[in-house]
Amino acid sequence: MKHRKRIWRFCQWGVVFLSVITFTPLVIPANTYLPKLFGLPYTLWAGMLLTLGYTVLILIGISVHPGATQNNKNI
């Protein structure tokens, strides 16, 4: 149970961290489109990586959420 809570906290802080760096010059640099990856500009593939990070954190968070172990009989 304690292990699941630790992973849940990691997911929460991971989402906060990704949200903060989304709007920093690390992801949205001024007047920069290089380097390119497979012909995609930097901002586009950086956004794709952020989206992938959010998706992984959400999938992990769904499985370890504290309410996931309760039996919901209202469904």
PDB file of N, CA and C in Angstrom:
ATOM      1  N   MET A   1       0.819  -1.191   0.000  1.00  0.00           N
ATOM      2  CA  MET A   1       0.000   0.000   0.000  1.00  0.00           C
ATOM      3  C   MET A   1       0.868   1.263   0.000  1.00  0.00           C
ATOM      4  N   LYS A   2       1.939   1.252   0.782  1.00  0.00           N
ATOM      5  CA  LYS A   2       2.820   2.409   0.853  1.00  0.00           C
ATOM      6  C   LYS A   2       3.535   2.620  -0.476  1.00  0.00           C
ATOM      7  N   HIS A   3       3.855   1.527  -1.158  1.00  0.00           N
ATOM      8  CA  HIS A   3       4.525   1.602  -2.452  1.00  0.00           C
ATOM      9  C   HIS A   3       3.618   2.276  -3.486  1.00  0.00           C
ATOM     10  N   ARG A   4       2.339   1.926  -3.484  1.00  0.00           N
ATOM     11  CA  ARG A   4       1.383   2.531  -4.418  1.00  0.00           C
ATOM     12  C   ARG A   4       1.222   4.022  -4.143  1.00  0.00           C
ATOM     13  N   LYS A   5       1.240   4.404  -2.871  1.00  0.00           N
ATOM     14  CA  LYS A   5       1.103   5.807  -2.519  1.00  0.00           C
ATOM     15  C   LYS A   5       2.310   6.605  -3.005  1.00  0.00           C
ATOM     16  N   ARG A   6       3.489   6.009  -2.919  1.00  0.00           N
ATOM     17  CA  ARG A   6       4.711   6.664  -3.382  1.00  0.00           C
ATOM     18  C   ARG A   6       4.658   6.859  -4.902  1.00  0.00           C
ATOM     19  N   ILE A   7       4.193   5.857  -5.619  1.00  0.00           N
ATOM     20  CA  ILE A   7       4.080   5.973  -7.070  1.00  0.00           C
ATOM     21  C   ILE A   7       3.026   7.021  -7.434  1.00  0.00           C
ATOM     22  N   TRP A   8       1.926   7.068  -6.685  1.00  0.00           N
ATOM     23  CA  TRP A   8       0.883   8.067  -6.921  1.00  0.00           C
ATOM     24  C   TRP A   8       1.455   9.480  -6.749  1.00  0.00           C
ATOM     25  N   ARG A   9       2.247   9.687  -5.689  1.00  0.00           N
ATOM     26  CA  ARG A   9       2.879  10.998  -5.466  1.00  0.00           C
ATOM     27  C   ARG A   9       3.849  11.332  -6.596  1.00  0.00           C
ATOM     28  N   PHE A  10       4.594  10.339  -7.071  1.00  0.00           N
ATOM     29  CA  PHE A  10       5.506  10.553  -8.192  1.00  0.00           C
ATOM     30  C   PHE A  10       4.731  11.007  -9.424  1.00  0.00           C
ATOM     31  N   CYS A  11       3.599  10.394  -9.694  1.00  0.00           N
ATOM     32  CA  CYS A  11       2.774  10.780 -10.841  1.00  0.00           C
ATOM     33  C   CYS A  11       2.276  12.214 -10.690  1.00  0.00           C
ATOM     34  N   GLN A  12       1.849  12.574  -9.495  1.00  0.00           N
ATOM     35  CA  GLN A  12       1.369  13.935  -9.262  1.00  0.00           C
ATOM     36  C   GLN A  12       2.483  14.951  -9.498  1.00  0.00           C
ATOM     37  N   TRP A  13       3.647  14.704  -8.919  1.00  0.00           N
ATOM     38  CA  TRP A  13       4.755  15.632  -9.099  1.00  0.00           C
ATOM     39  C   TRP A  13       5.276  15.625 -10.530  1.00  0.00           C
ATOM     40  N   GLY A  14       5.196  14.491 -11.190  1.00  0.00           N
ATOM     41  CA  GLY A  14       5.602  14.425 -12.597  1.00  0.00           C
ATOM     42  C   GLY A  14       4.734  15.292 -13.482  1.00  0.00           C
ATOM     43  N   VAL A  15       3.434  15.273 -13.245  1.00  0.00           N
ATOM     44  CA  VAL A  15       2.524  16.112 -14.023  1.00  0.00           C
ATOM     45  C   VAL A  15       2.778  17.588 -13.735  1.00  0.00           C
ATOM     46  N   VAL A  16       3.024  17.936 -12.491  1.00  0.00           N
ATOM     47  CA  VAL A  16       3.339  19.333 -12.149  1.00  0.00           C
ATOM     48  C   VAL A  16       4.632  19.753 -12.843  1.00  0.00           C
ATOM     49  N   PHE A  17       5.638  18.898 -12.811  1.00  0.00           N
ATOM     50  CA  PHE A  17       6.917  19.204 -13.450  1.00  0.00           C
ATOM     51  C   PHE A  17       6.751  19.399 -14.956  1.00  0.00           C
ATOM     52  N   LEU A  18       6.038  18.491 -15.615  1.00  0.00           N
ATOM     53  CA  LEU A  18       5.825  18.623 -17.059  1.00  0.00           C
ATOM     54  C   LEU A  18       5.019  19.870 -17.385  1.00  0.00           C
ATOM     55  N   SER A  19       4.065  20.212 -16.533  1.00  0.00           N
ATOM     56  CA  SER A  19       3.276  21.420 -16.759  1.00  0.00           C
ATOM     57  C   SER A  19       4.135  22.674 -16.666  1.00  0.00           C
ATOM     58  N   VAL A  20       5.058  22.684 -15.737  1.00  0.00           N
ATOM     59  CA  VAL A  20       5.927  23.853 -15.571  1.00  0.00           C
ATOM     60  C   VAL A  20       6.880  23.991 -16.756  1.00  0.00           C
ATOM     61  N   ILE A  21       7.516  22.900 -17.170  1.00  0.00           N
ATOM     62  CA  ILE A  21       8.492  23.026 -18.269  1.00  0.00           C
ATOM     63  C   ILE A  21       7.826  23.209 -19.628  1.00  0.00           C
ATOM     64  N   THR A  22       6.527  22.959 -19.723  1.00  0.00           N
ATOM     65  CA  THR A  22       5.840  23.146 -20.994  1.00  0.00           C
ATOM     66  C   THR A  22       5.944  24.582 -21.479  1.00  0.00           C
ATOM     67  N   PHE A  23       5.877  25.538 -20.570  1.00  0.00           N
ATOM     68  CA  PHE A  23       5.858  26.945 -20.969  1.00  0.00           C
ATOM     69  C   PHE A  23       7.172  27.664 -20.701  1.00  0.00           C
ATOM     70  N   THR A  24       8.241  26.919 -20.572  1.00  0.00           N
ATOM     71  CA  THR A  24       9.558  27.525 -20.396  1.00  0.00           C
ATOM     72  C   THR A  24      10.275  27.577 -21.741  1.00  0.00           C
ATOM     73  N   PRO A  25      11.341  28.329 -21.837  1.00  0.00           N
ATOM     74  CA  PRO A  25      12.113  28.361 -23.091  1.00  0.00           C
ATOM     75  C   PRO A  25      12.741  27.010 -23.453  1.00  0.00           C
ATOM     76  N   LEU A  26      12.732  26.064 -22.521  1.00  0.00           N
ATOM     77  CA  LEU A  26      13.239  24.733 -22.832  1.00  0.00           C
ATOM     78  C   LEU A  26      12.397  24.067 -23.926  1.00  0.00           C
ATOM     79  N   VAL A  27      11.089  24.288 -23.894  1.00  0.00           N
ATOM     80  CA  VAL A  27      10.190  23.673 -24.873  1.00  0.00           C
ATOM     81  C   VAL A  27       9.777  24.668 -25.944  1.00  0.00           C
ATOM     82  N   ILE A  28       9.578  25.922 -25.568  1.00  0.00           N
ATOM     83  CA  ILE A  28       9.146  26.940 -26.528  1.00  0.00           C
ATOM     84  C   ILE A  28      10.227  28.021 -26.617  1.00  0.00           C
ATOM     85  N   PRO A  29      11.322  27.756 -27.316  1.00  0.00           N
ATOM     86  CA  PRO A  29      12.370  28.764 -27.443  1.00  0.00           C
ATOM     87  C   PRO A  29      11.969  29.853 -28.440  1.00  0.00           C
ATOM     88  N   ALA A  30      12.468  31.035 -28.241  1.00  0.00           N
ATOM     89  CA  ALA A  30      12.155  32.154 -29.129  1.00  0.00           C
ATOM     90  C   ALA A  30      12.920  32.026 -30.440  1.00  0.00           C
ATOM     91  N   ASN A  31      12.202  32.109 -31.553  1.00  0.00           N
ATOM     92  CA  ASN A  31      12.790  32.127 -32.901  1.00  0.00           C
ATOM     93  C   ASN A  31      13.694  30.933 -33.185  1.00  0.00           C
ATOM     94  N   THR A  32      13.306  29.757 -32.707  1.00  0.00           N
ATOM     95  CA  THR A  32      14.116  28.555 -32.941  1.00  0.00           C
ATOM     96  C   THR A  32      13.242  27.442 -33.501  1.00  0.00           C
ATOM     97  N   TYR A  33      13.689  26.847 -34.579  1.00  0.00           N
ATOM     98  CA  TYR A  33      13.015  25.675 -35.101  1.00  0.00           C
ATOM     99  C   TYR A  33      13.984  24.513 -35.293  1.00  0.00           C
ATOM    100  N   LEU A  34      15.246  24.759 -35.039  1.00  0.00           N
ATOM    101  CA  LEU A  34      16.254  23.708 -35.134  1.00  0.00           C
ATOM    102  C   LEU A  34      16.572  23.202 -33.748  1.00  0.00           C
ATOM    103  N   PRO A  35      16.937  22.021 -33.484  1.00  0.00           N
ATOM    104  CA  PRO A  35      17.197  20.953 -34.433  1.00  0.00           C
ATOM    105  C   PRO A  35      15.904  20.312 -34.925  1.00  0.00           C
ATOM    106  N   LYS A  36      16.002  19.704 -36.065  1.00  0.00           N
ATOM    107  CA  LYS A  36      14.866  18.983 -36.625  1.00  0.00           C
ATOM    108  C   LYS A  36      15.052  17.497 -36.378  1.00  0.00           C
ATOM    109  N   LEU A  37      13.943  16.806 -36.197  1.00  0.00           N
ATOM    110  CA  LEU A  37      13.962  15.366 -36.009  1.00  0.00           C
ATOM    111  C   LEU A  37      12.950  14.777 -36.974  1.00  0.00           C
ATOM    112  N   PHE A  38      13.394  13.993 -37.933  1.00  0.00           N
ATOM    113  CA  PHE A  38      12.545  13.431 -38.984  1.00  0.00           C
ATOM    114  C   PHE A  38      11.776  14.519 -39.728  1.00  0.00           C
ATOM    115  N   GLY A  39      12.401  15.675 -39.909  1.00  0.00           N
ATOM    116  CA  GLY A  39      11.781  16.777 -40.633  1.00  0.00           C
ATOM    117  C   GLY A  39      10.804  17.601 -39.807  1.00  0.00           C
ATOM    118  N   LEU A  40      10.642  17.278 -38.533  1.00  0.00           N
ATOM    119  CA  LEU A  40       9.732  18.026 -37.666  1.00  0.00           C
ATOM    120  C   LEU A  40      10.509  19.079 -36.892  1.00  0.00           C
ATOM    121  N   PRO A  41       9.975  20.296 -36.782  1.00  0.00           N
ATOM    122  CA  PRO A  41      10.679  21.321 -36.014  1.00  0.00           C
ATOM    123  C   PRO A  41      10.732  20.980 -34.531  1.00  0.00           C
ATOM    124  N   TYR A  42      11.672  21.612 -33.844  1.00  0.00           N
ATOM    125  CA  TYR A  42      11.950  21.333 -32.441  1.00  0.00           C
ATOM    126  C   TYR A  42      10.712  21.422 -31.557  1.00  0.00           C
ATOM    127  N   THR A  43       9.950  22.510 -31.684  1.00  0.00           N
ATOM    128  CA  THR A  43       8.791  22.711 -30.812  1.00  0.00           C
ATOM    129  C   THR A  43       7.753  21.600 -30.998  1.00  0.00           C
ATOM    130  N   LEU A  44       7.574  21.130 -32.212  1.00  0.00           N
ATOM    131  CA  LEU A  44       6.588  20.076 -32.469  1.00  0.00           C
ATOM    132  C   LEU A  44       7.006  18.761 -31.826  1.00  0.00           C
ATOM    133  N   TRP A  45       8.253  18.325 -32.047  1.00  0.00           N
ATOM    134  CA  TRP A  45       8.625  17.034 -31.457  1.00  0.00           C
ATOM    135  C   TRP A  45       8.827  17.119 -29.960  1.00  0.00           C
ATOM    136  N   ALA A  46       9.180  18.305 -29.429  1.00  0.00           N
ATOM    137  CA  ALA A  46       9.252  18.462 -27.976  1.00  0.00           C
ATOM    138  C   ALA A  46       7.852  18.354 -27.376  1.00  0.00           C
ATOM    139  N   GLY A  47       6.867  18.932 -28.053  1.00  0.00           N
ATOM    140  CA  GLY A  47       5.473  18.815 -27.605  1.00  0.00           C
ATOM    141  C   GLY A  47       4.982  17.380 -27.657  1.00  0.00           C
ATOM    142  N   MET A  48       5.405  16.637 -28.668  1.00  0.00           N
ATOM    143  CA  MET A  48       5.026  15.222 -28.761  1.00  0.00           C
ATOM    144  C   MET A  48       5.629  14.424 -27.607  1.00  0.00           C
ATOM    145  N   LEU A  49       6.868  14.717 -27.246  1.00  0.00           N
ATOM    146  CA  LEU A  49       7.498  14.030 -26.121  1.00  0.00           C
ATOM    147  C   LEU A  49       6.790  14.368 -24.806  1.00  0.00           C
ATOM    148  N   LEU A  50       6.389  15.619 -24.647  1.00  0.00           N
ATOM    149  CA  LEU A  50       5.636  15.998 -23.452  1.00  0.00           C
ATOM    150  C   LEU A  50       4.308  15.258 -23.390  1.00  0.00           C
ATOM    151  N   THR A  51       3.625  15.163 -24.524  1.00  0.00           N
ATOM    152  CA  THR A  51       2.357  14.450 -24.574  1.00  0.00           C
ATOM    153  C   THR A  51       2.548  12.978 -24.225  1.00  0.00           C
ATOM    154  N   LEU A  52       3.604  12.383 -24.717  1.00  0.00           N
ATOM    155  CA  LEU A  52       3.913  10.999 -24.380  1.00  0.00           C
ATOM    156  C   LEU A  52       4.180  10.856 -22.881  1.00  0.00           C
ATOM    157  N   GLY A  53       4.901  11.816 -22.307  1.00  0.00           N
ATOM    158  CA  GLY A  53       5.164  11.797 -20.866  1.00  0.00           C
ATOM    159  C   GLY A  53       3.888  11.897 -20.051  1.00  0.00           C
ATOM    160  N   TYR A  54       2.988  12.815 -20.443  1.00  0.00           N
ATOM    161  CA  TYR A  54       1.697  12.937 -19.762  1.00  0.00           C
ATOM    162  C   TYR A  54       0.899  11.638 -19.861  1.00  0.00           C
ATOM    163  N   THR A  55       0.906  11.038 -21.032  1.00  0.00           N
ATOM    164  CA  THR A  55       0.138   9.807 -21.242  1.00  0.00           C
ATOM    165  C   THR A  55       0.652   8.684 -20.350  1.00  0.00           C
ATOM    166  N   VAL A  56       1.954   8.526 -20.274  1.00  0.00           N
ATOM    167  CA  VAL A  56       2.537   7.472 -19.432  1.00  0.00           C
ATOM    168  C   VAL A  56       2.206   7.718 -17.961  1.00  0.00           C
ATOM    169  N   LEU A  57       2.338   8.970 -17.511  1.00  0.00           N
ATOM    170  CA  LEU A  57       2.017   9.280 -16.114  1.00  0.00           C
ATOM    171  C   LEU A  57       0.544   9.026 -15.802  1.00  0.00           C
ATOM    172  N   ILE A  58      -0.339   9.354 -16.726  1.00  0.00           N
ATOM    173  CA  ILE A  58      -1.766   9.123 -16.502  1.00  0.00           C
ATOM    174  C   ILE A  58      -2.074   7.634 -16.454  1.00  0.00           C
ATOM    175  N   LEU A  59      -1.483   6.854 -17.340  1.00  0.00           N
ATOM    176  CA  LEU A  59      -1.729   5.412 -17.327  1.00  0.00           C
ATOM    177  C   LEU A  59      -1.234   4.771 -16.035  1.00  0.00           C
ATOM    178  N   ILE A  60      -0.076   5.198 -15.562  1.00  0.00           N
ATOM    179  CA  ILE A  60       0.434   4.683 -14.288  1.00  0.00           C
ATOM    180  C   ILE A  60      -0.454   5.157 -13.149  1.00  0.00           C
ATOM    181  N   GLY A  61      -0.849   6.433 -13.187  1.00  0.00           N
ATOM    182  CA  GLY A  61      -1.691   6.999 -12.143  1.00  0.00           C
ATOM    183  C   GLY A  61      -3.049   6.327 -12.032  1.00  0.00           C
ATOM    184  N   ILE A  62      -3.611   5.914 -13.150  1.00  0.00           N
ATOM    185  CA  ILE A  62      -4.898   5.220 -13.132  1.00  0.00           C
ATOM    186  C   ILE A  62      -4.795   3.922 -12.343  1.00  0.00           C
ATOM    187  N   SER A  63      -3.699   3.221 -12.512  1.00  0.00           N
ATOM    188  CA  SER A  63      -3.575   1.915 -11.857  1.00  0.00           C
ATOM    189  C   SER A  63      -3.209   2.009 -10.378  1.00  0.00           C
ATOM    190  N   VAL A  64      -2.586   3.115  -9.947  1.00  0.00           N
ATOM    191  CA  VAL A  64      -2.166   3.214  -8.550  1.00  0.00           C
ATOM    192  C   VAL A  64      -2.971   4.238  -7.753  1.00  0.00           C
ATOM    193  N   HIS A  65      -3.983   4.822  -8.342  1.00  0.00           N
ATOM    194  CA  HIS A  65      -4.800   5.826  -7.645  1.00  0.00           C
ATOM    195  C   HIS A  65      -5.385   5.221  -6.371  1.00  0.00           C
ATOM    196  N   PRO A  66      -5.397   5.974  -5.266  1.00  0.00           N
ATOM    197  CA  PRO A  66      -5.914   5.442  -3.999  1.00  0.00           C
ATOM    198  C   PRO A  66      -7.357   4.944  -4.090  1.00  0.00           C
ATOM    199  N   GLY A  67      -8.168   5.511  -4.946  1.00  0.00           N
ATOM    200  CA  GLY A  67      -9.551   5.067  -5.085  1.00  0.00           C
ATOM    201  C   GLY A  67      -9.714   3.873  -6.014  1.00  0.00           C
ATOM    202  N   ALA A  68      -8.624   3.416  -6.646  1.00  0.00           N
ATOM    203  CA  ALA A  68      -8.711   2.312  -7.597  1.00  0.00           C
ATOM    204  C   ALA A  68      -8.972   0.980  -6.909  1.00  0.00           C
ATOM    205  N   THR A  69      -8.667   0.852  -5.616  1.00  0.00           N
ATOM    206  CA  THR A  69      -8.830  -0.429  -4.933  1.00  0.00           C
ATOM    207  C   THR A  69     -10.213  -0.602  -4.329  1.00  0.00           C
ATOM    208  N   GLN A  70     -10.997   0.473  -4.287  1.00  0.00           N
ATOM    209  CA  GLN A  70     -12.343   0.370  -3.726  1.00  0.00           C
ATOM    210  C   GLN A  70     -13.283  -0.252  -4.733  1.00  0.00           C
ATOM    211  N   ASN A  71     -14.247  -1.010  -4.248  1.00  0.00           N
ATOM    212  CA  ASN A  71     -15.251  -1.598  -5.113  1.00  0.00           C
ATOM    213  C   ASN A  71     -16.376  -0.602  -5.295  1.00  0.00           C
ATOM    214  N   ASN A  72     -16.554  -0.134  -6.507  1.00  0.00           N
ATOM    215  CA  ASN A  72     -17.632   0.792  -6.808  1.00  0.00           C
ATOM    216  C   ASN A  72     -18.846   0.003  -7.278  1.00  0.00           C
ATOM    217  N   LYS A  73     -19.847  -0.082  -6.457  1.00  0.00           N
ATOM    218  CA  LYS A  73     -21.049  -0.842  -6.797  1.00  0.00           C
ATOM    219  C   LYS A  73     -22.064   0.016  -7.521  1.00  0.00           C
ATOM    220  N   ASN A  74     -21.759   1.305  -7.683  1.00  0.00           N
ATOM    221  CA  ASN A  74     -22.687   2.200  -8.387  1.00  0.00           C
ATOM    222  C   ASN A  74     -22.510   2.155  -9.889  1.00  0.00           C
ATOM    223  N   ILE A  75     -21.506   1.455 -10.348  1.00  0.00           N
ATOM    224  CA  ILE A  75     -21.232   1.412 -11.790  1.00  0.00           C
ATOM    225  C   ILE A  75     -22.094   0.375 -12.453  1.00  0.00           C
TER     226      ILE A  75
END
